[in-house]
């Protein structure tokens, strides 16, 4: 699949979704937002795909909102604003709910909505040249649609600072805050991606999808009897069916399980 603003490449069980608007720093316009959402919705149910990489062309990962789109908003109605915001929300939800592990490879600046893309991914590897900024406040806006994902990644205390100032921070700080998982030299990005993809291939695909669902549900569920019943029930179901019998058999027989052989 190749759209004007997005490229989707398949290499065996690895899918790579690449933002392809380098001339405008991969800014998010209506077309790109829709293409990203559609790509992740399709990959989520693609049985042949094990891992999805989110990457970008050029020196910038994603500069956030498209300038032409920002100019248009000056004359939009409240209903049109709600429609635009919903498109962004659907895009982030498609990444967050994708049943496959999503690895974001951030080679340059990620600003505004670009930070939202990063926060919605499962695993983030950043170049030492990358930088980040939740810059909406400098446009008189709050980070409302991307906010829940960034808050889950960085925590409330860090968000109080960076949501309010809009200042940029580097990859090392992003890693310290939890937005990024690993920081590598620019010339080691491909190697770091390959190592992560190989590690993910060792996990059972259905178990990985269930693990992602677990995180989404439990992070919003108060501790107590309901959580206990839900987690106990899930574990019991997995032990008697699905991939668990094969995983246990492979462990006891000292061999690779079927999904990684």
C-alpha atoms as a PDB file:
ATOM      1  CA  UNK A   1       0.000   0.000   0.000  1.00  0.00           C
ATOM      2  CA  UNK A   2       1.366   3.413  -0.981  1.00  0.00           C
ATOM      3  CA  UNK A   3      -0.588   6.618  -0.461  1.00  0.00           C
ATOM      4  CA  UNK A   4       0.639  10.120  -1.202  1.00  0.00           C
ATOM      5  CA  UNK A   5       1.372  10.722   2.473  1.00  0.00           C
ATOM      6  CA  UNK A   6       1.937   7.210   3.830  1.00  0.00           C
ATOM      7  CA  UNK A   7       3.827   4.077   2.836  1.00  0.00           C
ATOM      8  CA  UNK A   8       3.002   0.589   4.080  1.00  0.00           C
ATOM      9  CA  UNK A   9       5.607  -2.099   3.393  1.00  0.00           C
ATOM     10  CA  UNK A  10       5.389  -5.789   4.257  1.00  0.00           C
ATOM     11  CA  UNK A  11       8.497  -7.909   4.800  1.00  0.00           C
ATOM     12  CA  UNK A  12       7.381 -11.368   5.882  1.00  0.00           C
ATOM     13  CA  UNK A  13       5.632 -10.912   9.215  1.00  0.00           C
ATOM     14  CA  UNK A  14       6.917  -7.348   9.689  1.00  0.00           C
ATOM     15  CA  UNK A  15       4.816  -4.377   8.575  1.00  0.00           C
ATOM     16  CA  UNK A  16       6.331  -0.904   8.384  1.00  0.00           C
ATOM     17  CA  UNK A  17       4.083   2.155   8.336  1.00  0.00           C
ATOM     18  CA  UNK A  18       6.074   5.204   7.221  1.00  0.00           C
ATOM     19  CA  UNK A  19       4.916   8.817   7.361  1.00  0.00           C
ATOM     20  CA  UNK A  20       5.839  10.190   3.948  1.00  0.00           C
ATOM     21  CA  UNK A  21       5.461  13.976   3.960  1.00  0.00           C
ATOM     22  CA  UNK A  22       9.074  14.995   4.623  1.00  0.00           C
ATOM     23  CA  UNK A  23       8.662  18.277   2.725  1.00  0.00           C
ATOM     24  CA  UNK A  24       6.309  19.472   5.500  1.00  0.00           C
ATOM     25  CA  UNK A  25       8.032  17.605   8.346  1.00  0.00           C
ATOM     26  CA  UNK A  26       5.408  14.831   8.234  1.00  0.00           C
ATOM     27  CA  UNK A  27       2.748  17.182   9.541  1.00  0.00           C
ATOM     28  CA  UNK A  28      -0.651  15.624  10.179  1.00  0.00           C
ATOM     29  CA  UNK A  29      -3.271  16.691   7.675  1.00  0.00           C
ATOM     30  CA  UNK A  30      -6.701  15.137   7.209  1.00  0.00           C
ATOM     31  CA  UNK A  31      -5.458  12.692   4.572  1.00  0.00           C
ATOM     32  CA  UNK A  32      -2.476  11.439   6.563  1.00  0.00           C
ATOM     33  CA  UNK A  33      -4.552  11.076   9.726  1.00  0.00           C
ATOM     34  CA  UNK A  34      -7.107   8.964   7.863  1.00  0.00           C
ATOM     35  CA  UNK A  35      -4.423   6.867   6.190  1.00  0.00           C
ATOM     36  CA  UNK A  36      -2.701   6.101   9.488  1.00  0.00           C
ATOM     37  CA  UNK A  37      -5.975   5.042  11.107  1.00  0.00           C
ATOM     38  CA  UNK A  38      -6.898   2.846   8.164  1.00  0.00           C
ATOM     39  CA  UNK A  39      -3.470   1.214   8.021  1.00  0.00           C
ATOM     40  CA  UNK A  40      -3.462   0.245  11.693  1.00  0.00           C
ATOM     41  CA  UNK A  41      -7.042  -0.987  11.610  1.00  0.00           C
ATOM     42  CA  UNK A  42      -6.161  -3.307   8.729  1.00  0.00           C
ATOM     43  CA  UNK A  43      -2.879  -4.491  10.256  1.00  0.00           C
ATOM     44  CA  UNK A  44      -4.606  -5.283  13.539  1.00  0.00           C
ATOM     45  CA  UNK A  45      -6.539  -8.110  11.859  1.00  0.00           C
ATOM     46  CA  UNK A  46      -3.870  -9.201   9.357  1.00  0.00           C
ATOM     47  CA  UNK A  47      -3.012 -12.753  10.452  1.00  0.00           C
ATOM     48  CA  UNK A  48       0.340 -12.802   8.644  1.00  0.00           C
ATOM     49  CA  UNK A  49       1.630  -9.714  10.495  1.00  0.00           C
ATOM     50  CA  UNK A  50       3.450 -10.170  13.805  1.00  0.00           C
ATOM     51  CA  UNK A  51       4.998  -6.737  14.417  1.00  0.00           C
ATOM     52  CA  UNK A  52       4.243  -3.218  13.168  1.00  0.00           C
ATOM     53  CA  UNK A  53       6.915  -0.511  12.971  1.00  0.00           C
ATOM     54  CA  UNK A  54       5.880   3.148  12.823  1.00  0.00           C
ATOM     55  CA  UNK A  55       8.561   5.284  11.174  1.00  0.00           C
ATOM     56  CA  UNK A  56       8.952   8.513   9.211  1.00  0.00           C
ATOM     57  CA  UNK A  57      10.893   9.854   6.249  1.00  0.00           C
ATOM     58  CA  UNK A  58      13.243  12.806   6.487  1.00  0.00           C
ATOM     59  CA  UNK A  59      14.791  14.631   9.419  1.00  0.00           C
ATOM     60  CA  UNK A  60      11.546  15.077  11.390  1.00  0.00           C
ATOM     61  CA  UNK A  61       9.377  12.315  12.821  1.00  0.00           C
ATOM     62  CA  UNK A  62       6.191  14.404  12.956  1.00  0.00           C
ATOM     63  CA  UNK A  63       5.777  18.147  13.474  1.00  0.00           C
ATOM     64  CA  UNK A  64       2.167  17.852  14.624  1.00  0.00           C
ATOM     65  CA  UNK A  65      -0.696  19.710  12.995  1.00  0.00           C
ATOM     66  CA  UNK A  66      -0.436  20.763   9.363  1.00  0.00           C
ATOM     67  CA  UNK A  67      -0.134  24.550   8.934  1.00  0.00           C
ATOM     68  CA  UNK A  68      -2.725  24.641   6.166  1.00  0.00           C
ATOM     69  CA  UNK A  69      -5.124  22.829   8.464  1.00  0.00           C
ATOM     70  CA  UNK A  70      -4.464  25.299  11.262  1.00  0.00           C
ATOM     71  CA  UNK A  71      -5.287  28.203   8.936  1.00  0.00           C
ATOM     72  CA  UNK A  72      -8.549  26.520   7.992  1.00  0.00           C
ATOM     73  CA  UNK A  73      -9.639  26.155  11.613  1.00  0.00           C
ATOM     74  CA  UNK A  74     -10.032  29.915  11.987  1.00  0.00           C
ATOM     75  CA  UNK A  75     -13.317  29.777  10.056  1.00  0.00           C
ATOM     76  CA  UNK A  76     -14.574  26.394  11.224  1.00  0.00           C
ATOM     77  CA  UNK A  77     -17.723  25.782  13.210  1.00  0.00           C
ATOM     78  CA  UNK A  78     -17.759  23.947  16.537  1.00  0.00           C
ATOM     79  CA  UNK A  79     -19.127  20.864  14.785  1.00  0.00           C
ATOM     80  CA  UNK A  80     -16.273  20.917  12.265  1.00  0.00           C
ATOM     81  CA  UNK A  81     -13.769  21.185  15.115  1.00  0.00           C
ATOM     82  CA  UNK A  82     -15.356  18.173  16.798  1.00  0.00           C
ATOM     83  CA  UNK A  83     -15.142  16.193  13.542  1.00  0.00           C
ATOM     84  CA  UNK A  84     -11.442  17.022  13.097  1.00  0.00           C
ATOM     85  CA  UNK A  85     -10.666  16.145  16.709  1.00  0.00           C
ATOM     86  CA  UNK A  86     -12.533  12.848  16.372  1.00  0.00           C
ATOM     87  CA  UNK A  87     -10.400  11.904  13.359  1.00  0.00           C
ATOM     88  CA  UNK A  88      -7.263  12.369  15.451  1.00  0.00           C
ATOM     89  CA  UNK A  89      -8.812  10.403  18.309  1.00  0.00           C
ATOM     90  CA  UNK A  90      -9.695   7.525  15.951  1.00  0.00           C
ATOM     91  CA  UNK A  91      -6.127   7.500  14.586  1.00  0.00           C
ATOM     92  CA  UNK A  92      -4.557   7.277  18.051  1.00  0.00           C
ATOM     93  CA  UNK A  93      -7.089   4.650  19.136  1.00  0.00           C
ATOM     94  CA  UNK A  94      -6.228   2.532  16.068  1.00  0.00           C
ATOM     95  CA  UNK A  95      -2.547   2.530  17.069  1.00  0.00           C
ATOM     96  CA  UNK A  96      -3.296   1.930  20.740  1.00  0.00           C
ATOM     97  CA  UNK A  97      -5.730  -0.929  20.072  1.00  0.00           C
ATOM     98  CA  UNK A  98      -3.757  -2.579  17.279  1.00  0.00           C
ATOM     99  CA  UNK A  99      -3.571  -6.255  18.244  1.00  0.00           C
ATOM    100  CA  UNK A 100       0.054  -6.408  17.082  1.00  0.00           C
ATOM    101  CA  UNK A 101       3.031  -4.939  18.964  1.00  0.00           C
ATOM    102  CA  UNK A 102       3.731  -1.436  17.635  1.00  0.00           C
ATOM    103  CA  UNK A 103       7.314  -0.134  17.682  1.00  0.00           C
ATOM    104  CA  UNK A 104       7.822   3.581  16.986  1.00  0.00           C
ATOM    105  CA  UNK A 105      11.207   4.530  15.559  1.00  0.00           C
ATOM    106  CA  UNK A 106      11.712   8.248  16.241  1.00  0.00           C
ATOM    107  CA  UNK A 107      14.600   9.698  14.259  1.00  0.00           C
ATOM    108  CA  UNK A 108      13.896  13.414  14.739  1.00  0.00           C
ATOM    109  CA  UNK A 109      11.536  15.904  16.314  1.00  0.00           C
ATOM    110  CA  UNK A 110       8.090  14.750  17.465  1.00  0.00           C
ATOM    111  CA  UNK A 111       5.852  17.664  18.372  1.00  0.00           C
ATOM    112  CA  UNK A 112       2.200  18.000  19.368  1.00  0.00           C
ATOM    113  CA  UNK A 113       0.313  15.239  17.599  1.00  0.00           C
ATOM    114  CA  UNK A 114       3.656  13.606  16.861  1.00  0.00           C
ATOM    115  CA  UNK A 115       4.077  13.009  20.578  1.00  0.00           C
ATOM    116  CA  UNK A 116       0.600  11.486  20.532  1.00  0.00           C
ATOM    117  CA  UNK A 117       1.719   8.981  17.885  1.00  0.00           C
ATOM    118  CA  UNK A 118       4.743   8.090  20.005  1.00  0.00           C
ATOM    119  CA  UNK A 119       2.718   7.719  23.200  1.00  0.00           C
ATOM    120  CA  UNK A 120       0.143   5.469  21.516  1.00  0.00           C
ATOM    121  CA  UNK A 121       2.850   2.999  20.424  1.00  0.00           C
ATOM    122  CA  UNK A 122       3.837   0.075  22.648  1.00  0.00           C
ATOM    123  CA  UNK A 123       7.601   0.444  22.382  1.00  0.00           C
ATOM    124  CA  UNK A 124       9.585   3.538  21.402  1.00  0.00           C
ATOM    125  CA  UNK A 125      13.179   3.650  20.222  1.00  0.00           C
ATOM    126  CA  UNK A 126      14.555   7.153  19.707  1.00  0.00           C
ATOM    127  CA  UNK A 127      17.660   8.479  18.066  1.00  0.00           C
ATOM    128  CA  UNK A 128      19.941  10.676  20.143  1.00  0.00           C
ATOM    129  CA  UNK A 129      18.966  13.392  17.652  1.00  0.00           C
ATOM    130  CA  UNK A 130      15.246  13.135  18.510  1.00  0.00           C
ATOM    131  CA  UNK A 131      13.383  15.763  20.500  1.00  0.00           C
ATOM    132  CA  UNK A 132       9.876  16.059  21.860  1.00  0.00           C
ATOM    133  CA  UNK A 133       7.386  18.762  22.737  1.00  0.00           C
ATOM    134  CA  UNK A 134       3.712  18.930  23.701  1.00  0.00           C
ATOM    135  CA  UNK A 135       3.395  22.376  22.172  1.00  0.00           C
ATOM    136  CA  UNK A 136      -0.374  22.915  21.986  1.00  0.00           C
ATOM    137  CA  UNK A 137      -0.443  25.437  24.823  1.00  0.00           C
ATOM    138  CA  UNK A 138       1.652  27.828  22.743  1.00  0.00           C
ATOM    139  CA  UNK A 139      -1.185  27.912  20.219  1.00  0.00           C
ATOM    140  CA  UNK A 140      -3.756  28.576  22.906  1.00  0.00           C
ATOM    141  CA  UNK A 141      -4.894  24.963  23.014  1.00  0.00           C
ATOM    142  CA  UNK A 142      -4.779  22.090  25.481  1.00  0.00           C
ATOM    143  CA  UNK A 143      -3.386  18.663  24.568  1.00  0.00           C
ATOM    144  CA  UNK A 144      -6.831  17.156  25.001  1.00  0.00           C
ATOM    145  CA  UNK A 145      -6.952  14.388  22.374  1.00  0.00           C
ATOM    146  CA  UNK A 146      -3.327  13.254  22.724  1.00  0.00           C
ATOM    147  CA  UNK A 147      -3.328  13.942  26.466  1.00  0.00           C
ATOM    148  CA  UNK A 148      -4.561  10.572  27.775  1.00  0.00           C
ATOM    149  CA  UNK A 149      -1.835   8.704  25.884  1.00  0.00           C
ATOM    150  CA  UNK A 150       0.947  11.081  26.929  1.00  0.00           C
ATOM    151  CA  UNK A 151      -0.291  11.057  30.530  1.00  0.00           C
ATOM    152  CA  UNK A 152      -0.239   7.252  30.579  1.00  0.00           C
ATOM    153  CA  UNK A 153       3.307   7.254  29.206  1.00  0.00           C
ATOM    154  CA  UNK A 154       4.931  10.064  31.237  1.00  0.00           C
ATOM    155  CA  UNK A 155       2.830  10.360  34.364  1.00  0.00           C
ATOM    156  CA  UNK A 156       0.949  13.303  35.808  1.00  0.00           C
ATOM    157  CA  UNK A 157       3.887  15.124  37.370  1.00  0.00           C
ATOM    158  CA  UNK A 158       5.915  15.385  34.156  1.00  0.00           C
ATOM    159  CA  UNK A 159       2.795  16.323  32.198  1.00  0.00           C
ATOM    160  CA  UNK A 160       2.095  19.202  34.578  1.00  0.00           C
ATOM    161  CA  UNK A 161       5.370  20.754  33.454  1.00  0.00           C
ATOM    162  CA  UNK A 162       5.491  19.949  29.760  1.00  0.00           C
ATOM    163  CA  UNK A 163       1.774  20.453  29.063  1.00  0.00           C
ATOM    164  CA  UNK A 164       2.000  23.911  30.662  1.00  0.00           C
ATOM    165  CA  UNK A 165       5.278  25.163  29.178  1.00  0.00           C
ATOM    166  CA  UNK A 166       5.239  23.543  25.736  1.00  0.00           C
ATOM    167  CA  UNK A 167       9.019  23.399  25.980  1.00  0.00           C
ATOM    168  CA  UNK A 168      11.019  20.797  24.100  1.00  0.00           C
ATOM    169  CA  UNK A 169      12.964  18.005  25.764  1.00  0.00           C
ATOM    170  CA  UNK A 170      15.558  15.654  24.365  1.00  0.00           C
ATOM    171  CA  UNK A 171      15.521  11.887  23.894  1.00  0.00           C
ATOM    172  CA  UNK A 172      17.360  11.172  27.146  1.00  0.00           C
ATOM    173  CA  UNK A 173      14.802  13.135  29.138  1.00  0.00           C
ATOM    174  CA  UNK A 174      11.987  11.415  27.226  1.00  0.00           C
ATOM    175  CA  UNK A 175      13.503   8.079  28.215  1.00  0.00           C
ATOM    176  CA  UNK A 176      13.806   9.109  31.862  1.00  0.00           C
ATOM    177  CA  UNK A 177      10.142  10.152  31.862  1.00  0.00           C
ATOM    178  CA  UNK A 178       8.945   6.896  30.262  1.00  0.00           C
ATOM    179  CA  UNK A 179       7.820   8.247  26.893  1.00  0.00           C
ATOM    180  CA  UNK A 180      10.777   6.493  25.215  1.00  0.00           C
ATOM    181  CA  UNK A 181      12.168   3.055  26.050  1.00  0.00           C
ATOM    182  CA  UNK A 182      15.616   3.207  24.440  1.00  0.00           C
ATOM    183  CA  UNK A 183      17.916   5.885  23.021  1.00  0.00           C
ATOM    184  CA  UNK A 184      20.538   4.952  20.444  1.00  0.00           C
ATOM    185  CA  UNK A 185      22.987   6.665  18.111  1.00  0.00           C
ATOM    186  CA  UNK A 186      21.460   7.634  14.747  1.00  0.00           C
ATOM    187  CA  UNK A 187      23.549   5.038  12.919  1.00  0.00           C
ATOM    188  CA  UNK A 188      22.360   2.267  15.280  1.00  0.00           C
ATOM    189  CA  UNK A 189      18.624   2.731  14.746  1.00  0.00           C
ATOM    190  CA  UNK A 190      18.267  -0.112  12.230  1.00  0.00           C
ATOM    191  CA  UNK A 191      20.179  -2.458  14.507  1.00  0.00           C
ATOM    192  CA  UNK A 192      18.042  -1.507  17.512  1.00  0.00           C
ATOM    193  CA  UNK A 193      14.877  -2.051  15.501  1.00  0.00           C
ATOM    194  CA  UNK A 194      16.029  -5.482  14.347  1.00  0.00           C
ATOM    195  CA  UNK A 195      16.812  -6.542  17.935  1.00  0.00           C
ATOM    196  CA  UNK A 196      13.409  -5.391  19.182  1.00  0.00           C
ATOM    197  CA  UNK A 197      11.509  -7.076  16.349  1.00  0.00           C
ATOM    198  CA  UNK A 198      13.379 -10.325  17.021  1.00  0.00           C
ATOM    199  CA  UNK A 199      12.528 -10.115  20.725  1.00  0.00           C
ATOM    200  CA  UNK A 200       8.854  -9.559  19.912  1.00  0.00           C
ATOM    201  CA  UNK A 201       8.772 -12.545  17.578  1.00  0.00           C
ATOM    202  CA  UNK A 202       9.530 -14.778  20.577  1.00  0.00           C
ATOM    203  CA  UNK A 203       6.191 -13.911  22.157  1.00  0.00           C
ATOM    204  CA  UNK A 204       2.952 -15.712  21.317  1.00  0.00           C
ATOM    205  CA  UNK A 205       0.826 -13.443  19.081  1.00  0.00           C
ATOM    206  CA  UNK A 206      -2.517 -13.998  20.819  1.00  0.00           C
ATOM    207  CA  UNK A 207      -0.898 -13.627  24.221  1.00  0.00           C
ATOM    208  CA  UNK A 208       0.647 -10.332  23.102  1.00  0.00           C
ATOM    209  CA  UNK A 209      -2.739  -9.052  21.957  1.00  0.00           C
ATOM    210  CA  UNK A 210      -4.253 -10.095  25.286  1.00  0.00           C
ATOM    211  CA  UNK A 211      -1.390  -8.415  27.165  1.00  0.00           C
ATOM    212  CA  UNK A 212      -2.102  -5.153  25.362  1.00  0.00           C
ATOM    213  CA  UNK A 213      -5.789  -5.416  26.246  1.00  0.00           C
ATOM    214  CA  UNK A 214      -4.837  -6.167  29.860  1.00  0.00           C
ATOM    215  CA  UNK A 215      -2.845  -2.932  30.144  1.00  0.00           C
ATOM    216  CA  UNK A 216      -5.657  -0.853  28.644  1.00  0.00           C
ATOM    217  CA  UNK A 217      -8.298  -2.316  30.960  1.00  0.00           C
ATOM    218  CA  UNK A 218      -6.386  -2.560  34.221  1.00  0.00           C
ATOM    219  CA  UNK A 219      -4.858   0.923  34.085  1.00  0.00           C
ATOM    220  CA  UNK A 220      -8.403   2.331  34.373  1.00  0.00           C
ATOM    221  CA  UNK A 221      -9.825  -0.302  36.746  1.00  0.00           C
ATOM    222  CA  UNK A 222      -9.779   0.278  40.510  1.00  0.00           C
ATOM    223  CA  UNK A 223      -8.145  -2.477  42.527  1.00  0.00           C
ATOM    224  CA  UNK A 224     -10.511  -4.762  44.371  1.00  0.00           C
ATOM    225  CA  UNK A 225     -12.744  -7.803  43.859  1.00  0.00           C
ATOM    226  CA  UNK A 226     -13.727  -6.890  40.287  1.00  0.00           C
ATOM    227  CA  UNK A 227     -10.111  -6.686  39.176  1.00  0.00           C
ATOM    228  CA  UNK A 228      -9.291  -9.942  40.943  1.00  0.00           C
ATOM    229  CA  UNK A 229     -12.146 -11.794  39.250  1.00  0.00           C
ATOM    230  CA  UNK A 230     -11.270 -10.369  35.843  1.00  0.00           C
ATOM    231  CA  UNK A 231      -7.556 -11.233  36.017  1.00  0.00           C
ATOM    232  CA  UNK A 232      -8.188 -14.712  37.472  1.00  0.00           C
ATOM    233  CA  UNK A 233     -10.718 -15.487  34.756  1.00  0.00           C
ATOM    234  CA  UNK A 234      -8.361 -14.389  31.980  1.00  0.00           C
ATOM    235  CA  UNK A 235      -5.493 -16.507  33.309  1.00  0.00           C
ATOM    236  CA  UNK A 236      -7.704 -19.570  33.634  1.00  0.00           C
ATOM    237  CA  UNK A 237      -8.968 -19.200  30.063  1.00  0.00           C
ATOM    238  CA  UNK A 238      -5.447 -18.872  28.699  1.00  0.00           C
ATOM    239  CA  UNK A 239      -4.152 -21.900  30.599  1.00  0.00           C
ATOM    240  CA  UNK A 240      -6.759 -24.290  29.235  1.00  0.00           C
ATOM    241  CA  UNK A 241      -6.706 -23.120  25.635  1.00  0.00           C
ATOM    242  CA  UNK A 242      -5.101 -20.828  23.106  1.00  0.00           C
ATOM    243  CA  UNK A 243      -1.308 -20.785  22.984  1.00  0.00           C
ATOM    244  CA  UNK A 244      -0.510 -21.745  26.572  1.00  0.00           C
ATOM    245  CA  UNK A 245      -0.436 -25.564  26.056  1.00  0.00           C
ATOM    246  CA  UNK A 246       2.061 -25.189  23.205  1.00  0.00           C
ATOM    247  CA  UNK A 247       4.151 -22.683  25.179  1.00  0.00           C
ATOM    248  CA  UNK A 248       4.355 -24.969  28.198  1.00  0.00           C
ATOM    249  CA  UNK A 249       5.112 -28.032  26.080  1.00  0.00           C
ATOM    250  CA  UNK A 250       7.919 -26.193  24.272  1.00  0.00           C
ATOM    251  CA  UNK A 251       9.412 -25.071  27.583  1.00  0.00           C
ATOM    252  CA  UNK A 252       9.357 -28.573  29.068  1.00  0.00           C
ATOM    253  CA  UNK A 253      10.702 -30.141  25.878  1.00  0.00           C
ATOM    254  CA  UNK A 254      13.455 -27.490  25.590  1.00  0.00           C
ATOM    255  CA  UNK A 255      12.445 -26.408  22.077  1.00  0.00           C
ATOM    256  CA  UNK A 256      11.174 -23.251  20.407  1.00  0.00           C
ATOM    257  CA  UNK A 257       7.382 -22.814  20.425  1.00  0.00           C
ATOM    258  CA  UNK A 258       5.557 -23.018  17.120  1.00  0.00           C
ATOM    259  CA  UNK A 259       5.070 -19.261  16.795  1.00  0.00           C
ATOM    260  CA  UNK A 260       8.816 -18.519  16.861  1.00  0.00           C
ATOM    261  CA  UNK A 261      10.239 -21.646  15.209  1.00  0.00           C
END
